[in-house]
Amino acid sequence: MLKDFRKLEDKAHYICNQVLDMCIKAGTGHVTSSLSCAEILVALYYGGILNYDASNPEWCDRDRFVLSKGQASPILYTILADVGFFPKTKLAKFGQANGAVGVHMQCDVAGVEITAGSLGHGLGIGAGMALAARMDRKHYLTFVLLGDGECHEGSIWESAMFAGHHQLNNLITIVDRNWLCATDFTENCVRLDPMDEKWKAFGFEVVSINGHSFQEIFSALDGFRSRRLHKPLMIIANTVKGKGISFMEDQPLWHSVAPKGKDAKRAKIELSKRGE
């Protein structure tokens, strides 16, 4: 468990560089989607927020973490290996036909709760987990990380209606608000703003933060285990897709592309300086 923001930043720096190396080697993987949520995942797994036991992935009282934006699998795989859910050697065959970890999130990997390929399903599953915890009188929390692009899906809003109706205050949802979807800027496809007002209308408590700031992430989660408000919590984390690599930042064409050749060398140099 790390409490020092500087140490968390160092860990995020390490994880991001591992992700880039893994995707370059594989020639595939969603680098930019992973980099936008790096600080969020590092805070959850290294900052003492999530309760988990890497030696016992099926521990019944563990907090559930649902990566709904399953294309960001490289960063979750890297973190799960780093904290000990499975050997790091498995990452060497990321995205390969005979490998154990695929491009989209798969639930047969230790520490992964759901398979996420088609988007828009994570919130519904997470809401079900939260309701199950209440019915079973369990104290674990359910965290769901959504991409903003998948908020175009109708299933997200059906799930939001469900979570609000049942006042699931043991459900913590985070939107990686990087303003990009698979093909374009989100607002050019179907406008999502005002996102905060929409979630409030469905019965959520809503907080907006800089998703790359550990200070703001922890501030948004202050007292998260003893919330008395009978509402699910929504954290809108404003981020930059491809954070740390200038020519990939905010560029739709890099959504599912790993850099190659000169681009790969440039990306490694720039990302090695992220956070300096």
Protein backbone atom coordinates (compact mmCIF):
# COMPACT_ATOMS: atom_id res chain seq x y z
CA MET A 1 0.00 0.00 0.00
CA LEU A 2 1.37 3.39 -1.02
CA LYS A 3 0.18 6.61 0.57
CA ASP A 4 2.81 8.97 -0.75
CA PHE A 5 1.71 10.73 -3.95
CA ARG A 6 5.29 10.87 -5.26
CA LYS A 7 5.58 7.10 -4.90
CA LEU A 8 2.24 6.63 -6.62
CA GLU A 9 3.42 8.82 -9.48
CA ASP A 10 6.57 6.73 -9.76
CA LYS A 11 4.46 3.58 -9.86
CA ALA A 12 2.20 5.05 -12.56
CA HIS A 13 5.29 5.99 -14.54
CA TYR A 14 6.58 2.42 -14.30
CA ILE A 15 3.24 0.85 -15.23
CA CYS A 16 2.70 3.12 -18.24
CA ASN A 17 6.12 2.31 -19.63
CA GLN A 18 5.50 -1.41 -19.16
CA VAL A 19 2.20 -1.07 -21.04
CA LEU A 20 3.86 0.71 -23.95
CA ASP A 21 6.66 -1.86 -24.19
CA MET A 22 4.15 -4.71 -24.09
CA CYS A 23 1.99 -3.24 -26.84
CA ILE A 24 4.96 -2.38 -29.05
CA LYS A 25 6.23 -5.93 -28.73
CA ALA A 26 2.80 -7.37 -29.52
CA GLY A 27 2.16 -4.92 -32.34
CA THR A 28 -1.32 -4.34 -30.97
CA GLY A 29 -3.20 -3.14 -27.92
CA HIS A 30 -4.94 0.03 -26.85
CA VAL A 31 -2.11 2.20 -25.58
CA THR A 32 -4.00 5.49 -25.45
CA SER A 33 -7.01 4.04 -23.60
CA SER A 34 -4.64 2.59 -21.02
CA LEU A 35 -2.65 5.77 -20.45
CA SER A 36 -5.75 7.88 -19.83
CA CYS A 37 -6.74 5.82 -16.79
CA ALA A 38 -3.29 5.08 -15.36
CA GLU A 39 -3.49 7.21 -12.22
CA ILE A 40 -7.01 5.96 -11.48
CA LEU A 41 -5.99 2.30 -11.54
CA VAL A 42 -2.75 2.92 -9.67
CA ALA A 43 -4.67 4.74 -6.93
CA LEU A 44 -7.16 1.87 -6.65
CA TYR A 45 -4.61 -0.96 -6.55
CA TYR A 46 -1.63 0.66 -4.80
CA GLY A 47 -3.24 3.42 -2.78
CA GLY A 48 -5.10 1.28 -0.26
CA ILE A 49 -8.53 1.82 -1.82
CA LEU A 50 -9.39 -1.66 -3.11
CA ASN A 51 -9.50 -4.60 -0.72
CA TYR A 52 -8.02 -7.61 -2.52
CA ASP A 53 -5.81 -10.61 -1.88
CA ALA A 54 -3.59 -11.42 -4.85
CA SER A 55 -2.91 -14.88 -3.41
CA ASN A 56 -6.65 -15.57 -3.24
CA PRO A 57 -8.35 -13.93 -6.26
CA GLU A 58 -11.72 -15.47 -5.41
CA TRP A 59 -11.77 -14.22 -1.81
CA CYS A 60 -15.49 -13.68 -1.22
CA ASP A 61 -15.09 -10.42 0.70
CA ARG A 62 -12.86 -8.74 -1.89
CA ASP A 63 -13.96 -5.48 -3.43
CA ARG A 64 -15.09 -5.99 -7.00
CA PHE A 65 -13.40 -3.95 -9.71
CA VAL A 66 -15.06 -4.00 -13.12
CA LEU A 67 -13.08 -2.63 -16.05
CA SER A 68 -15.98 -1.92 -18.36
CA LYS A 69 -13.76 -0.22 -20.93
CA GLY A 70 -12.17 -3.57 -21.66
CA GLN A 71 -9.93 -2.30 -24.41
CA ALA A 72 -7.71 -0.87 -21.64
CA SER A 73 -6.75 -4.42 -20.71
CA PRO A 74 -2.98 -3.78 -21.06
CA ILE A 75 -2.85 -1.57 -18.01
CA LEU A 76 -5.01 -3.78 -15.81
CA TYR A 77 -3.05 -6.89 -16.84
CA THR A 78 0.20 -5.12 -16.06
CA ILE A 79 -0.99 -4.03 -12.62
CA LEU A 80 -2.46 -7.42 -11.73
CA ALA A 81 0.85 -9.07 -12.61
CA ASP A 82 2.82 -6.43 -10.71
CA VAL A 83 0.82 -6.92 -7.49
CA GLY A 84 1.08 -10.70 -7.75
CA PHE A 85 -2.14 -12.11 -9.18
CA PHE A 86 -0.16 -14.02 -11.82
CA PRO A 87 3.44 -14.25 -13.06
CA LYS A 88 4.72 -11.33 -15.15
CA THR A 89 5.96 -13.84 -17.71
CA LYS A 90 2.37 -14.16 -18.95
CA LEU A 91 2.54 -10.60 -20.21
CA ALA A 92 5.24 -11.55 -22.70
CA LYS A 93 2.61 -13.14 -24.96
CA PHE A 94 0.05 -10.39 -24.69
CA GLY A 95 -2.20 -10.32 -27.74
CA GLN A 96 -0.75 -13.49 -29.26
CA ALA A 97 -2.76 -16.51 -30.34
CA ASN A 98 -1.11 -18.82 -27.82
CA GLY A 99 -0.99 -16.26 -25.02
CA ALA A 100 -2.97 -16.14 -21.79
CA VAL A 101 -3.90 -12.45 -21.94
CA GLY A 102 -5.79 -11.10 -24.93
CA VAL A 103 -6.35 -7.64 -26.34
CA HIS A 104 -9.75 -7.29 -24.73
CA MET A 105 -10.32 -8.11 -21.06
CA GLN A 106 -11.02 -11.76 -20.31
CA CYS A 107 -12.34 -13.14 -17.04
CA ASP A 108 -10.23 -16.31 -17.00
CA VAL A 109 -7.26 -14.19 -15.92
CA ALA A 110 -6.71 -14.11 -12.15
CA GLY A 111 -7.99 -10.88 -10.66
CA VAL A 112 -10.28 -10.01 -13.56
CA GLU A 113 -14.00 -9.94 -12.72
CA ILE A 114 -15.62 -9.82 -16.17
CA THR A 115 -14.88 -10.27 -19.83
CA ALA A 116 -15.33 -6.96 -21.59
CA GLY A 117 -15.24 -6.85 -25.34
CA SER A 118 -18.55 -5.41 -26.40
CA LEU A 119 -18.81 -2.21 -24.41
CA GLY A 120 -21.68 -0.93 -22.29
CA HIS A 121 -22.15 -3.93 -20.03
CA GLY A 122 -19.86 -3.24 -17.08
CA LEU A 123 -22.18 -0.92 -15.21
CA GLY A 124 -25.09 -3.35 -15.36
CA ILE A 125 -22.90 -6.15 -14.03
CA GLY A 126 -21.42 -3.90 -11.37
CA ALA A 127 -24.85 -2.74 -10.25
CA GLY A 128 -25.87 -6.39 -9.93
CA MET A 129 -22.79 -7.09 -7.83
CA ALA A 130 -23.59 -4.15 -5.56
CA LEU A 131 -27.19 -5.27 -5.11
CA ALA A 132 -26.00 -8.83 -4.40
CA ALA A 133 -23.67 -7.54 -1.68
CA ARG A 134 -26.57 -5.74 -0.02
CA MET A 135 -28.84 -8.78 -0.22
CA ASP A 136 -26.08 -11.04 1.18
CA ARG A 137 -25.24 -8.51 3.91
CA LYS A 138 -21.68 -8.28 2.64
CA HIS A 139 -19.52 -5.20 3.11
CA TYR A 140 -17.47 -5.30 -0.07
CA LEU A 141 -17.74 -2.40 -2.50
CA THR A 142 -18.07 -2.53 -6.26
CA PHE A 143 -16.03 -0.16 -8.44
CA VAL A 144 -16.77 0.26 -12.15
CA LEU A 145 -14.53 2.13 -14.59
CA LEU A 146 -16.37 3.29 -17.70
CA GLY A 147 -15.06 4.88 -20.84
CA ASP A 148 -16.94 7.98 -21.88
CA GLY A 149 -17.36 6.57 -25.40
CA GLU A 150 -19.31 3.61 -24.06
CA CYS A 151 -21.73 6.04 -22.42
CA HIS A 152 -23.28 6.23 -25.88
CA GLU A 153 -24.71 2.77 -25.19
CA GLY A 154 -28.31 2.55 -24.00
CA SER A 155 -27.45 -0.24 -21.57
CA ILE A 156 -25.38 2.24 -19.55
CA TRP A 157 -28.41 4.40 -18.90
CA GLU A 158 -30.67 1.45 -18.12
CA SER A 159 -28.09 0.44 -15.52
CA ALA A 160 -27.85 3.99 -14.19
CA MET A 161 -31.61 4.04 -13.74
CA PHE A 162 -31.43 0.70 -11.91
CA ALA A 163 -28.58 1.78 -9.61
CA GLY A 164 -30.25 5.06 -8.77
CA HIS A 165 -33.60 3.43 -8.12
CA HIS A 166 -32.05 0.92 -5.70
CA GLN A 167 -29.94 3.62 -4.03
CA LEU A 168 -26.79 1.54 -4.38
CA ASN A 169 -24.42 3.54 -2.22
CA ASN A 170 -21.99 0.62 -2.27
CA LEU A 171 -21.43 1.23 -6.00
CA ILE A 172 -18.64 3.58 -7.05
CA THR A 173 -18.50 4.39 -10.74
CA ILE A 174 -15.75 6.32 -12.47
CA VAL A 175 -15.96 7.67 -16.01
CA ASP A 176 -12.68 8.07 -17.85
CA ARG A 177 -13.74 11.34 -19.49
CA ASN A 178 -11.10 11.70 -22.21
CA TRP A 179 -13.61 13.05 -24.74
CA LEU A 180 -12.77 10.43 -27.36
CA CYS A 181 -14.49 7.28 -28.54
CA ALA A 182 -13.25 4.70 -31.03
CA THR A 183 -13.59 6.84 -34.13
CA ASP A 184 -13.93 10.48 -33.17
CA PHE A 185 -14.47 12.96 -30.38
CA THR A 186 -17.47 11.96 -28.29
CA GLU A 187 -19.28 15.23 -28.81
CA ASN A 188 -19.01 14.88 -32.61
CA CYS A 189 -20.80 11.51 -32.47
CA VAL A 190 -23.54 12.02 -29.90
CA ARG A 191 -23.11 14.80 -27.34
CA LEU A 192 -22.67 13.55 -23.76
CA ASP A 193 -22.47 16.86 -21.95
CA PRO A 194 -23.67 17.98 -19.50
CA MET A 195 -22.57 14.61 -18.18
CA ASP A 196 -22.73 15.59 -14.50
CA GLU A 197 -26.35 16.70 -14.76
CA LYS A 198 -27.34 13.50 -16.51
CA TRP A 199 -25.90 11.27 -13.80
CA LYS A 200 -27.47 13.42 -11.11
CA ALA A 201 -30.83 13.01 -12.82
CA PHE A 202 -30.45 9.24 -12.46
CA GLY A 203 -29.88 9.57 -8.71
CA PHE A 204 -26.08 9.59 -8.43
CA GLU A 205 -23.88 11.74 -6.25
CA VAL A 206 -21.50 13.30 -8.78
CA VAL A 207 -17.97 14.62 -8.36
CA SER A 208 -15.79 15.95 -11.19
CA ILE A 209 -12.01 15.76 -10.92
CA ASN A 210 -8.74 15.83 -12.82
CA GLY A 211 -8.23 12.10 -13.38
CA HIS A 212 -4.46 12.46 -13.55
CA SER A 213 -4.21 14.05 -10.10
CA PHE A 214 -3.74 11.63 -7.23
CA GLN A 215 -4.69 14.36 -4.82
CA GLU A 216 -8.05 14.86 -6.53
CA ILE A 217 -8.69 11.12 -6.92
CA PHE A 218 -8.20 10.53 -3.19
CA SER A 219 -10.19 13.63 -2.32
CA ALA A 220 -13.14 12.34 -4.36
CA LEU A 221 -12.94 9.03 -2.51
CA ASP A 222 -12.56 10.51 0.96
CA GLY A 223 -14.75 8.53 3.37
CA PHE A 224 -15.89 6.18 0.61
CA ARG A 225 -16.45 3.22 2.96
CA SER A 226 -18.71 5.08 5.32
CA ARG A 227 -20.89 7.07 2.94
CA ARG A 228 -24.31 7.74 4.46
CA LEU A 229 -25.81 9.26 1.33
CA HIS A 230 -28.19 6.72 -0.20
CA LYS A 231 -26.92 7.22 -3.72
CA PRO A 232 -24.32 5.54 -5.92
CA LEU A 233 -21.21 7.67 -6.38
CA MET A 234 -20.13 8.84 -9.81
CA ILE A 235 -16.66 10.33 -10.29
CA ILE A 236 -16.20 12.06 -13.63
CA ALA A 237 -12.44 11.90 -14.13
CA ASN A 238 -11.31 14.33 -16.80
CA THR A 239 -8.31 12.79 -18.54
CA VAL A 240 -6.19 12.92 -21.68
CA LYS A 241 -6.22 9.93 -23.98
CA GLY A 242 -2.64 8.90 -24.70
CA LYS A 243 -1.36 11.03 -21.81
CA GLY A 244 2.42 11.46 -21.96
CA ILE A 245 2.98 10.85 -25.69
CA SER A 246 2.46 14.16 -27.48
CA PHE A 247 1.65 12.87 -30.96
CA MET A 248 -0.83 10.31 -29.62
CA GLU A 249 -2.64 12.59 -27.17
CA ASP A 250 -6.23 13.42 -28.17
CA GLN A 251 -5.80 11.75 -31.56
CA PRO A 252 -8.68 9.44 -32.58
CA LEU A 253 -6.54 7.54 -35.10
CA TRP A 254 -4.41 6.07 -32.28
CA HIS A 255 -7.37 4.46 -30.52
CA SER A 256 -6.39 0.85 -31.16
CA VAL A 257 -2.94 1.22 -32.65
CA ALA A 258 0.42 0.40 -31.12
CA PRO A 259 3.25 2.60 -32.42
CA LYS A 260 5.89 1.06 -34.66
CA GLY A 261 9.34 2.00 -35.97
CA LYS A 262 10.25 5.65 -35.45
CA ASP A 263 6.93 6.31 -33.76
CA ALA A 264 7.67 3.61 -31.22
CA LYS A 265 11.08 5.06 -30.42
CA ARG A 266 9.65 8.54 -30.05
CA ALA A 267 6.81 7.27 -27.87
CA LYS A 268 9.22 5.48 -25.55
CA ILE A 269 11.39 8.56 -25.18
CA GLU A 270 8.44 10.84 -24.45
CA LEU A 271 6.68 8.45 -22.08
CA SER A 272 9.89 7.86 -20.15
CA LYS A 273 9.68 11.53 -19.19
CA ARG A 274 6.00 11.45 -18.15
CA GLY A 275 5.60 12.92 -14.71
CA GLU A 276 9.01 14.60 -14.60
